[in-house]
Protein backbone atom coordinates (compact mmCIF):
# COMPACT_ATOMS: atom_id res chain seq x y z
CA MET A 1 -18.28 93.32 0.19
CA ILE A 2 -15.35 91.01 0.35
CA PHE A 3 -12.26 91.72 2.41
CA CYS A 4 -9.00 89.66 2.27
CA SER A 5 -5.65 90.22 3.71
CA LEU A 6 -3.26 88.97 0.92
CA TYR A 7 -0.09 89.56 2.98
CA SER A 8 0.43 91.36 6.30
CA GLY A 9 3.59 91.96 8.29
CA SER A 10 6.92 93.80 8.26
CA SER A 11 8.07 91.95 5.19
CA GLY A 12 5.06 93.08 2.87
CA ASN A 13 1.44 94.16 2.97
CA SER A 14 -1.45 94.08 0.57
CA ILE A 15 -5.23 93.93 1.01
CA PHE A 16 -7.92 93.00 -1.43
CA VAL A 17 -11.35 94.64 -1.17
CA SER A 18 -14.33 94.19 -3.46
CA SER A 19 -17.90 95.42 -3.76
CA GLY A 20 -20.62 94.37 -6.12
CA LYS A 21 -18.89 96.10 -8.98
CA ALA A 22 -15.40 97.30 -7.90
CA LYS A 23 -12.23 95.60 -6.92
CA ILE A 24 -9.17 97.41 -5.29
CA LEU A 25 -5.90 96.70 -3.56
CA VAL A 26 -4.74 98.74 -0.57
CA ASP A 27 -0.90 98.61 -0.99
CA ALA A 28 1.10 96.07 -2.93
CA GLY A 29 4.31 95.64 -0.79
CA LEU A 30 5.58 92.50 -2.34
CA PRO A 31 6.87 91.49 -5.72
CA GLY A 32 4.29 91.55 -8.53
CA LYS A 33 4.47 87.74 -8.80
CA SER A 34 3.46 87.23 -5.22
CA ILE A 35 0.60 89.60 -5.50
CA GLU A 36 -0.56 87.76 -8.70
CA ALA A 37 -0.35 84.50 -7.05
CA ALA A 38 -2.26 85.65 -3.97
CA LEU A 39 -5.09 87.08 -6.08
CA LYS A 40 -5.31 83.90 -8.18
CA SER A 41 -5.37 81.66 -5.09
CA ILE A 42 -8.61 83.41 -3.90
CA GLY A 43 -10.16 83.27 -7.34
CA GLU A 44 -9.42 86.80 -8.43
CA SER A 45 -7.66 88.13 -11.47
CA PRO A 46 -5.19 91.02 -11.44
CA CYS A 47 -6.82 92.04 -14.67
CA ASP A 48 -9.97 93.03 -12.71
CA ILE A 49 -8.34 95.40 -10.23
CA ASP A 50 -9.71 98.89 -10.63
CA GLY A 51 -6.93 100.63 -8.61
CA ILE A 52 -4.22 100.29 -5.95
CA PHE A 53 -4.47 102.75 -3.01
CA VAL A 54 -1.27 103.54 -1.38
CA THR A 55 -1.00 104.29 2.42
CA HIS A 56 2.50 105.49 2.38
CA GLU A 57 5.82 105.02 0.43
CA HIS A 58 7.79 102.58 2.66
CA THR A 59 8.96 99.51 0.67
CA ASP A 60 6.85 96.96 2.36
CA HIS A 61 3.73 98.83 0.99
CA ILE A 62 4.94 99.85 -2.48
CA LYS A 63 7.39 97.11 -3.78
CA GLY A 64 5.01 95.68 -6.31
CA ILE A 65 2.80 98.56 -7.32
CA GLY A 66 4.83 99.67 -10.29
CA VAL A 67 5.01 96.19 -11.72
CA MET A 68 1.27 95.60 -11.29
CA SER A 69 0.30 98.95 -12.75
CA ARG A 70 2.55 98.40 -15.91
CA LYS A 71 1.57 94.76 -16.46
CA TYR A 72 -2.27 95.04 -15.90
CA ASP A 73 -2.79 98.80 -16.66
CA ILE A 74 -3.98 99.53 -12.99
CA PRO A 75 -4.32 103.11 -11.83
CA ILE A 76 -2.26 104.02 -8.58
CA TYR A 77 -3.94 106.34 -6.09
CA ALA A 78 -1.90 108.34 -3.53
CA ASN A 79 -1.70 111.90 -2.30
CA GLU A 80 0.82 114.33 -3.67
CA LYS A 81 3.45 114.08 -0.98
CA THR A 82 3.53 110.15 -1.14
CA TRP A 83 3.75 110.22 -4.96
CA LYS A 84 6.80 112.59 -4.77
CA SER A 85 8.31 110.27 -2.15
CA MET A 86 7.75 107.08 -3.98
CA CYS A 87 7.98 107.92 -7.68
CA GLY A 88 11.71 107.29 -7.85
CA SER A 89 11.19 103.67 -6.46
CA ILE A 90 8.36 102.31 -8.54
CA GLY A 91 9.58 102.82 -12.09
CA LYS A 92 7.82 104.63 -14.95
CA ILE A 93 3.89 104.68 -14.67
CA LYS A 94 1.67 105.67 -17.59
CA GLU A 95 0.46 109.26 -17.18
CA TYR A 96 -3.24 108.26 -17.04
CA ASN A 97 -2.55 105.69 -14.13
CA ILE A 98 -1.06 108.40 -11.97
CA LYS A 99 -3.91 109.21 -9.73
CA VAL A 100 -2.86 111.97 -7.23
CA PHE A 101 -5.84 112.83 -4.80
CA ASP A 102 -6.40 115.87 -2.68
CA LYS A 103 -9.80 114.94 -1.52
CA ARG A 104 -10.88 112.73 1.55
CA SER A 105 -13.09 110.61 -0.61
CA ILE A 106 -12.87 108.97 -4.02
CA SER A 107 -15.51 106.98 -5.77
CA ILE A 108 -14.98 103.93 -8.05
CA LYS A 109 -18.17 102.46 -9.42
CA ASP A 110 -20.21 101.47 -6.37
CA MET A 111 -17.30 101.83 -3.82
CA ASP A 112 -16.32 105.03 -2.00
CA ILE A 113 -12.76 105.07 -0.57
CA VAL A 114 -12.25 107.55 2.23
CA ASN A 115 -8.67 108.44 3.39
CA TYR A 116 -7.68 109.74 6.76
CA SER A 117 -4.32 110.74 8.32
CA ILE A 118 -2.29 108.28 10.44
CA PRO A 119 0.65 108.96 12.69
CA HIS A 120 3.68 107.46 11.11
CA ASP A 121 7.16 108.55 9.93
CA ALA A 122 6.27 108.90 6.25
CA ALA A 123 5.79 111.87 4.07
CA CYS A 124 1.92 111.87 4.29
CA PRO A 125 0.76 108.60 5.47
CA VAL A 126 -3.06 107.67 5.37
CA GLY A 127 -5.38 104.83 6.39
CA TYR A 128 -8.46 103.88 4.32
CA SER A 129 -12.04 103.22 5.02
CA ILE A 130 -14.01 101.50 2.11
CA TYR A 131 -17.82 101.89 1.76
CA SER A 132 -20.37 100.20 -0.43
CA SER A 133 -24.02 99.32 0.06
CA GLY A 134 -24.18 100.29 3.81
CA LYS A 135 -21.11 98.19 4.53
CA LYS A 136 -17.59 99.44 5.68
CA ALA A 137 -14.13 97.86 5.84
CA SER A 138 -11.15 99.81 7.32
CA ILE A 139 -7.30 99.46 7.19
CA ALA A 140 -5.33 101.12 10.04
CA THR A 141 -1.73 99.85 10.32
CA ASP A 142 1.63 101.71 10.73
CA LEU A 143 0.28 103.79 13.65
CA GLY A 144 2.58 105.28 16.19
CA CYS A 145 -0.36 105.88 18.39
CA PHE A 146 -4.22 105.36 18.10
CA THR A 147 -5.48 108.90 17.55
CA GLU A 148 -8.95 110.35 17.78
CA GLU A 149 -8.97 110.62 14.08
CA VAL A 150 -8.07 107.06 13.46
CA LYS A 151 -10.85 106.05 15.99
CA ARG A 152 -13.44 108.32 14.40
CA ASN A 153 -12.84 106.99 10.92
CA ILE A 154 -12.77 103.27 11.66
CA GLU A 155 -14.86 102.55 14.81
CA ASP A 156 -18.16 101.73 13.07
CA SER A 157 -16.67 99.36 10.49
CA ASP A 158 -17.86 95.80 9.91
CA VAL A 159 -14.22 94.68 9.34
CA ILE A 160 -11.06 96.40 10.59
CA LEU A 161 -7.43 95.35 9.87
CA LEU A 162 -5.59 96.88 12.82
CA GLU A 163 -1.93 96.86 13.60
CA SER A 164 -0.64 94.66 16.47
CA ASN A 165 3.17 95.22 15.50
CA HIS A 166 5.30 94.25 18.47
CA ASP A 167 5.49 93.18 22.03
CA VAL A 168 7.29 96.07 23.91
CA GLU A 169 9.51 93.80 25.96
CA MET A 170 10.63 91.79 23.01
CA LEU A 171 11.37 95.02 21.12
CA LYS A 172 13.30 96.51 24.04
CA PHE A 173 15.55 93.58 24.60
CA GLY A 174 15.71 92.41 21.10
CA PRO A 175 18.43 92.82 18.43
CA TYR A 176 17.43 96.08 16.83
CA PRO A 177 19.72 99.06 17.15
CA TYR A 178 18.71 101.70 19.75
CA ASN A 179 17.61 104.27 17.22
CA LEU A 180 15.39 101.88 15.50
CA LYS A 181 13.73 100.86 18.75
CA ARG A 182 13.17 104.43 19.51
CA ARG A 183 11.48 104.92 16.21
CA ILE A 184 9.10 101.98 16.53
CA LEU A 185 8.25 102.96 20.09
CA SER A 186 7.58 106.61 19.11
CA ASN A 187 4.13 108.31 18.36
CA VAL A 188 4.98 108.02 14.59
CA GLY A 189 6.30 104.40 14.72
CA HIS A 190 4.16 101.18 15.19
CA LEU A 191 1.24 100.13 17.48
CA SER A 192 2.21 97.66 20.10
CA ASN A 193 0.05 94.50 21.09
CA ASP A 194 -0.98 96.29 24.25
CA ASP A 195 -2.02 99.45 22.53
CA CYS A 196 -3.82 97.56 19.93
CA GLY A 197 -5.90 95.73 22.70
CA ILE A 198 -6.62 99.13 24.33
CA ALA A 199 -7.77 100.55 21.06
CA ILE A 200 -10.17 97.76 20.34
CA ALA A 201 -11.60 98.01 23.75
CA ASN A 202 -12.38 101.69 23.34
CA MET A 203 -14.14 101.14 20.01
CA VAL A 204 -16.53 98.39 21.32
CA ASN A 205 -20.18 99.46 20.98
CA ASP A 206 -23.49 97.67 20.24
CA LYS A 207 -22.35 96.60 16.78
CA PRO A 208 -20.27 93.40 16.76
CA MET A 209 -16.89 94.01 15.00
CA ASN A 210 -14.56 91.70 13.07
CA ILE A 211 -10.99 92.81 13.98
CA VAL A 212 -8.07 91.33 12.10
CA LEU A 213 -4.76 91.77 13.79
CA GLY A 214 -2.06 92.57 11.15
CA HIS A 215 1.37 94.11 10.37
CA LEU A 216 3.17 91.92 12.93
CA SER A 217 6.87 92.31 13.35
CA LYS A 218 8.78 89.05 12.33
CA THR A 219 11.53 89.95 15.06
CA ASN A 220 9.58 91.38 18.01
CA ASN A 221 6.29 89.41 18.00
CA TYR A 222 4.53 86.13 17.57
CA PRO A 223 0.97 85.65 16.16
CA GLU A 224 0.08 83.61 19.44
CA LEU A 225 1.56 86.36 21.60
CA ALA A 226 -0.30 89.24 19.80
CA TYR A 227 -3.52 87.38 19.99
CA GLN A 228 -3.37 86.35 23.61
CA THR A 229 -2.29 89.89 24.70
CA VAL A 230 -5.31 91.38 22.98
CA VAL A 231 -7.67 88.64 24.26
CA ASN A 232 -6.41 89.27 27.82
CA LEU A 233 -6.87 92.97 27.64
CA LEU A 234 -10.45 92.61 26.16
CA THR A 235 -11.32 89.94 28.90
CA GLU A 236 -10.19 92.30 31.71
CA ARG A 237 -12.68 94.91 30.38
CA LYS A 238 -15.48 92.26 30.25
CA ILE A 239 -15.57 92.33 26.44
CA LYS A 240 -16.84 89.09 25.04
CA LEU A 241 -15.09 87.43 22.12
CA GLY A 242 -17.52 85.92 19.65
CA LYS A 243 -20.21 88.45 20.76
CA ASP A 244 -18.78 92.00 21.00
CA VAL A 245 -15.71 91.29 19.02
CA ASN A 246 -14.68 88.49 16.50
CA LEU A 247 -10.76 88.43 16.57
CA SER A 248 -8.50 86.82 13.99
CA MET A 249 -5.06 87.16 12.66
CA ALA A 250 -3.67 88.21 9.29
CA ASP A 251 -1.19 85.75 7.77
CA ARG A 252 2.35 87.08 6.87
CA ASN A 253 2.93 84.79 3.93
CA LYS A 254 -0.38 83.91 2.28
CA PRO A 255 -4.05 85.15 1.91
CA SER A 256 -6.09 84.97 5.06
CA ASN A 257 -9.36 86.31 6.56
CA HIS A 258 -11.41 86.10 3.45
CA ILE A 259 -14.53 87.75 4.88
CA GLU A 260 -17.73 88.35 3.08
CA PHE A 261 -20.18 90.67 4.56
């Protein structure tokens, strides 16, 4: 399998995952031209994408899905509540490319895509775990808290993109209005650097994990701060970087973490 974060952050998100025969995007939250450019920069063609899987209807996850679907005839997969919430924002989609799922697992060629509920303030938000040939990649962002359901679905993955959205002190004393701060800090908001580190520590087992920190706030975080906060928490718990956990950052503005496994 190949995993690559095309863009990750509060300004837009999209992840590319491929197996031997299938290629998908999880979200397309930037303009279509940006998604096209990112794919081409890693040697992939938008024409080869078998489907776009939507986590939830917020703009930083759906901005480019309508354009990509119309231009390249790509099916869009989302649950019913998400479809109802986003259909007015993405333009007209061909009927046969509207894929409303009500099952936990969908198969495309040699790839199985499993969705699971996440705690976020959207209509019916989900994360995804993608399986093929005994390998597994998971995406878990936009989490107000790290639930047992999220842990159960992602903990045995070869690669995990996990949210490390904000530094709590930066958020509390930053420029956001009070109501927005409350939303982000709530159980249906976003995962902090500290909570991300604790979540990783609670997943460590005998299988080495590749953890990619993503969905960072542009206003309330820095990549260096997110990384060091997580490293400190893991070190305190005697978890060894490079042995128990391989830790890296997803870039906000360009493809990163092109991992083949």
